[in-house]
Amino acid sequence: MDSDSRFHGAIWRSKCNNGQCVEITSQDGWVGVRDSKDGETGPVLSFTHEEWSTFIEAVKSGTLDV
């Protein structure tokens, strides 16, 4: 897993301020997820919008066991 060039220049969003956050972005049909402390050079998980929507729905419905 490496930094993903498809997200170069993307605007990343996060809801926390303590430096141990997950950041997400959406660009050109893809959703990127990364660790905020790794920034631009860290690994990025890449999902299609459909994959991301399926994941979010599973989280909301409680079907994932974490």
Protein backbone atom coordinates (compact mmCIF):
# COMPACT_ATOMS: atom_id res chain seq x y z
CA MET A 1 0.00 0.00 0.00
CA ASP A 2 1.57 3.26 -1.14
CA SER A 3 0.53 6.86 -1.53
CA ASP A 4 -1.93 7.00 -4.42
CA SER A 5 -1.21 9.50 -7.19
CA ARG A 6 -4.91 9.74 -8.09
CA PHE A 7 -5.33 11.81 -4.90
CA HIS A 8 -2.47 14.24 -5.57
CA GLY A 9 -3.69 17.75 -4.76
CA ALA A 10 -6.92 16.48 -3.18
CA ILE A 11 -8.52 18.21 -0.20
CA TRP A 12 -8.53 15.80 2.74
CA ARG A 13 -11.13 16.01 5.55
CA SER A 14 -10.99 14.91 9.17
CA LYS A 15 -13.13 15.53 12.24
CA CYS A 16 -10.46 15.42 14.94
CA ASN A 17 -7.60 17.68 15.92
CA ASN A 18 -5.28 15.49 18.00
CA GLY A 19 -3.11 14.19 15.15
CA GLN A 20 -4.33 10.58 15.36
CA CYS A 21 -7.12 10.82 12.84
CA VAL A 22 -8.41 9.18 9.73
CA GLU A 23 -8.66 11.51 6.75
CA ILE A 24 -10.87 10.97 3.71
CA THR A 25 -11.16 12.55 0.29
CA SER A 26 -13.23 12.00 -2.81
CA GLN A 27 -11.85 12.65 -6.26
CA ASP A 28 -12.60 11.44 -9.80
CA GLY A 29 -14.88 8.59 -8.71
CA TRP A 30 -12.60 7.36 -5.93
CA VAL A 31 -12.56 7.68 -2.13
CA GLY A 32 -9.20 7.79 -0.37
CA VAL A 33 -8.61 7.00 3.30
CA ARG A 34 -5.33 7.69 5.12
CA ASP A 35 -3.78 8.25 8.54
CA SER A 36 -3.45 11.99 9.20
CA LYS A 37 -0.02 11.66 10.78
CA ASP A 38 1.41 10.16 7.57
CA GLY A 39 0.20 12.98 5.32
CA GLU A 40 1.01 13.14 1.62
CA THR A 41 3.70 10.45 1.70
CA GLY A 42 1.82 7.78 3.65
CA PRO A 43 -0.25 4.87 2.39
CA VAL A 44 -3.77 5.45 1.07
CA LEU A 45 -6.62 2.96 0.96
CA SER A 46 -8.55 3.50 -2.28
CA PHE A 47 -12.21 2.59 -2.81
CA THR A 48 -14.73 3.19 -5.56
CA HIS A 49 -17.73 5.26 -4.50
CA GLU A 50 -19.84 2.09 -4.63
CA GLU A 51 -17.44 0.20 -2.34
CA TRP A 52 -17.32 3.13 0.10
CA SER A 53 -21.13 3.45 0.17
CA THR A 54 -21.46 -0.27 0.85
CA PHE A 55 -18.97 -0.01 3.73
CA ILE A 56 -20.72 3.02 5.27
CA GLU A 57 -24.13 1.33 5.04
CA ALA A 58 -22.72 -1.78 6.76
CA VAL A 59 -21.31 0.38 9.56
CA LYS A 60 -24.61 2.24 10.01
CA SER A 61 -26.67 -0.96 10.03
CA GLY A 62 -24.41 -2.67 12.56
CA THR A 63 -23.62 -5.65 10.34
CA LEU A 64 -19.87 -5.27 10.89
CA ASP A 65 -18.37 -6.79 14.00
CA VAL A 66 -15.49 -4.62 15.18
